[in-house]
Amino acid sequence: MSVVVPSQPPSKKPEPDRARPKASLRARALRLLARREHTRAELRARLEADGAEAAELEAVLEEFSRCGWISDTRVLEQVAHARRARFGSNRIRQELLAKGVPDDLVDAAMPELTEGDIDAARAIWRRKFGEAPGNAAERARQLRFLQSRGFSLDVALRVVREAADDRGNE
């Protein structure tokens, strides 16, 4: 009686001498932009880390800007919209600056962001706590939580104070 041994499946790894050539700078940039929005600064940093030449990189970034494929304004709007449900304007501002959005764009967007802070803080507070603090330690914990989410002390105090006032009126 003979035993048939199944053959091993072929290896998926390419052989070293047949490795894929490195994609062009433009192709790598497009691949990054296909995944998500990037600021000009983020895209530059990612491509410089891959060893892109400065002149070629600047030409690609200029072309992408002209075509509208990279836009710091669009990144600002996307980040602000995505983060508003979880964070306050201070935290959103820090994230935008870390992503490389220019200061003047961030400063122009701040009045609109801070305008919605009270409503956002109330919603976040309601989801997390739902009831007014029963003692000073609980009140301090709730204030710290709101501040850690990027809300100013004034906004945090107002939200917690309103909750305590509502509790007293019931």
Protein backbone atom coordinates (compact mmCIF):
# COMPACT_ATOMS: atom_id res chain seq x y z
CA MET A 1 0.00 0.00 0.00
CA SER A 2 1.44 3.35 -0.94
CA VAL A 3 0.86 6.57 0.93
CA VAL A 4 0.37 9.75 -1.07
CA VAL A 5 1.88 12.81 0.59
CA PRO A 6 0.32 16.09 -0.52
CA SER A 7 2.82 18.47 -1.99
CA GLN A 8 3.69 21.69 -0.19
CA PRO A 9 2.00 24.81 -1.55
CA PRO A 10 4.40 27.11 -3.38
CA SER A 11 5.93 29.88 -1.32
CA LYS A 12 4.28 33.29 -1.72
CA LYS A 13 7.49 35.22 -1.13
CA PRO A 14 9.17 36.56 -4.26
CA GLU A 15 12.67 35.43 -4.88
CA PRO A 16 15.31 38.05 -4.04
CA ASP A 17 16.38 38.51 -7.66
CA ARG A 18 12.78 38.98 -8.79
CA ALA A 19 11.71 41.46 -6.10
CA ARG A 20 9.34 44.20 -7.22
CA PRO A 21 11.00 47.46 -8.17
CA LYS A 22 10.35 50.39 -5.87
CA ALA A 23 7.34 52.43 -6.97
CA SER A 24 7.88 55.94 -8.21
CA LEU A 25 7.60 58.85 -5.81
CA ARG A 26 4.35 59.95 -7.43
CA ALA A 27 2.86 56.44 -7.13
CA ARG A 28 3.86 56.18 -3.47
CA ALA A 29 2.30 59.57 -2.76
CA LEU A 30 -0.92 58.58 -4.51
CA ARG A 31 -1.02 55.32 -2.56
CA LEU A 32 -0.78 57.25 0.71
CA LEU A 33 -3.52 59.68 -0.35
CA ALA A 34 -5.78 56.82 -1.41
CA ARG A 35 -5.88 55.60 2.19
CA ARG A 36 -6.76 58.92 3.86
CA GLU A 37 -6.32 62.67 3.64
CA HIS A 38 -2.83 63.93 4.43
CA THR A 39 -1.60 67.46 4.96
CA ARG A 40 1.23 68.66 2.78
CA ALA A 41 3.59 68.43 5.79
CA GLU A 42 2.52 64.84 6.62
CA LEU A 43 2.96 63.71 3.05
CA ARG A 44 6.37 65.38 2.82
CA ALA A 45 7.51 63.71 6.06
CA ARG A 46 6.32 60.25 4.98
CA LEU A 47 7.98 60.48 1.57
CA GLU A 48 11.22 61.98 2.95
CA ALA A 49 11.43 59.02 5.33
CA ASP A 50 11.36 56.76 2.25
CA GLY A 51 14.38 58.60 0.88
CA ALA A 52 12.76 60.91 -1.68
CA GLU A 53 14.88 63.64 -3.23
CA ALA A 54 13.90 67.14 -2.09
CA ALA A 55 13.50 68.65 -5.58
CA GLU A 56 11.45 65.77 -6.94
CA LEU A 57 9.33 65.69 -3.77
CA GLU A 58 8.58 69.41 -3.97
CA ALA A 59 7.54 69.04 -7.63
CA VAL A 60 5.15 66.20 -6.77
CA LEU A 61 3.67 68.14 -3.85
CA GLU A 62 3.15 71.21 -6.06
CA GLU A 63 1.44 69.12 -8.72
CA PHE A 64 -0.83 67.49 -6.13
CA SER A 65 -1.72 70.90 -4.66
CA ARG A 66 -2.59 72.29 -8.10
CA CYS A 67 -4.77 69.27 -8.83
CA GLY A 68 -6.49 69.59 -5.45
CA TRP A 69 -5.33 66.17 -4.30
CA ILE A 70 -3.80 67.54 -1.12
CA SER A 71 -5.52 70.26 0.85
CA ASP A 72 -4.74 71.37 4.38
CA THR A 73 -8.19 72.96 4.57
CA ARG A 74 -9.86 69.67 3.72
CA VAL A 75 -7.81 67.88 6.38
CA LEU A 76 -8.79 70.53 8.92
CA GLU A 77 -12.50 70.10 8.14
CA GLN A 78 -12.27 66.32 8.20
CA VAL A 79 -10.39 66.14 11.51
CA ALA A 80 -12.63 68.73 13.18
CA HIS A 81 -15.76 66.89 12.08
CA ALA A 82 -14.46 63.45 13.05
CA ARG A 83 -13.18 64.51 16.48
CA ARG A 84 -15.96 66.89 17.56
CA ALA A 85 -18.10 64.12 19.06
CA ARG A 86 -15.28 63.04 21.40
CA PHE A 87 -13.03 66.06 22.01
CA GLY A 88 -12.99 69.75 22.76
CA SER A 89 -11.52 72.53 20.67
CA ASN A 90 -8.17 72.58 22.53
CA ARG A 91 -7.54 68.89 21.80
CA ILE A 92 -8.63 69.26 18.18
CA ARG A 93 -6.34 72.27 17.80
CA GLN A 94 -3.35 70.28 19.09
CA GLU A 95 -4.08 67.41 16.71
CA LEU A 96 -4.37 69.77 13.73
CA LEU A 97 -1.06 71.43 14.57
CA ALA A 98 0.59 68.02 15.01
CA LYS A 99 -0.63 67.01 11.56
CA GLY A 100 1.03 70.08 10.06
CA VAL A 101 -2.00 72.23 9.33
CA PRO A 102 -0.71 75.82 9.12
CA ASP A 103 -1.28 78.03 12.18
CA ASP A 104 -3.29 80.60 10.25
CA LEU A 105 -5.82 77.98 9.09
CA VAL A 106 -6.14 76.56 12.60
CA ASP A 107 -6.55 80.04 14.11
CA ALA A 108 -9.27 80.87 11.57
CA ALA A 109 -11.19 77.68 12.46
CA MET A 110 -10.95 78.10 16.25
CA PRO A 111 -13.92 80.48 16.75
CA GLU A 112 -16.23 77.98 15.07
CA LEU A 113 -14.78 75.10 17.08
CA THR A 114 -15.01 76.87 20.44
CA GLU A 115 -18.56 77.95 19.63
CA GLY A 116 -19.68 74.31 19.76
CA ASP A 117 -17.69 73.37 22.86
CA ILE A 118 -20.56 73.69 25.36
CA ASP A 119 -22.89 71.40 23.41
CA ALA A 120 -20.13 68.88 22.72
CA ALA A 121 -19.04 68.87 26.39
CA ARG A 122 -22.63 68.33 27.54
CA ALA A 123 -23.05 65.37 25.19
CA ILE A 124 -19.75 63.81 26.22
CA TRP A 125 -20.49 64.39 29.92
CA ARG A 126 -23.95 62.82 29.54
CA ARG A 127 -22.53 59.71 27.84
CA LYS A 128 -19.81 59.27 30.44
CA PHE A 129 -21.52 60.27 33.68
CA GLY A 130 -25.22 60.96 33.19
CA GLU A 131 -25.75 62.28 36.71
CA ALA A 132 -24.47 65.18 38.73
CA PRO A 133 -21.52 64.60 41.06
CA GLY A 134 -22.51 63.61 44.58
CA ASN A 135 -19.44 64.99 46.33
CA ALA A 136 -16.36 67.13 45.77
CA ALA A 137 -14.16 64.21 44.72
CA GLU A 138 -16.64 63.13 42.05
CA ARG A 139 -16.98 66.71 40.84
CA ALA A 140 -13.18 67.01 40.52
CA ARG A 141 -13.06 63.73 38.61
CA GLN A 142 -15.71 64.92 36.15
CA LEU A 143 -13.92 68.25 35.66
CA ARG A 144 -10.59 66.49 35.04
CA PHE A 145 -12.23 64.19 32.54
CA LEU A 146 -13.68 67.05 30.52
CA GLN A 147 -10.39 68.94 30.60
CA SER A 148 -8.49 65.85 29.47
CA ARG A 149 -10.83 65.72 26.48
CA GLY A 150 -9.73 69.20 25.43
CA PHE A 151 -12.36 71.45 26.98
CA SER A 152 -11.39 74.62 28.81
CA LEU A 153 -11.87 74.86 32.55
CA ASP A 154 -14.68 77.39 32.00
CA VAL A 155 -16.60 75.00 29.77
CA ALA A 156 -16.05 72.04 32.12
CA LEU A 157 -17.18 74.06 35.15
CA ARG A 158 -20.26 75.26 33.33
CA VAL A 159 -21.33 71.75 32.28
CA VAL A 160 -20.79 70.22 35.73
CA ARG A 161 -22.43 73.21 37.44
CA GLU A 162 -25.49 72.94 35.16
CA ALA A 163 -25.80 69.26 36.02
CA ALA A 164 -25.63 70.05 39.73
CA ASP A 165 -28.24 72.81 39.31
CA ASP A 166 -30.53 70.43 37.43
CA ARG A 167 -30.13 67.87 40.20
CA GLY A 168 -31.02 70.50 42.83
CA ASN A 169 -34.15 71.55 40.91
CA GLU A 170 -35.58 68.03 40.74
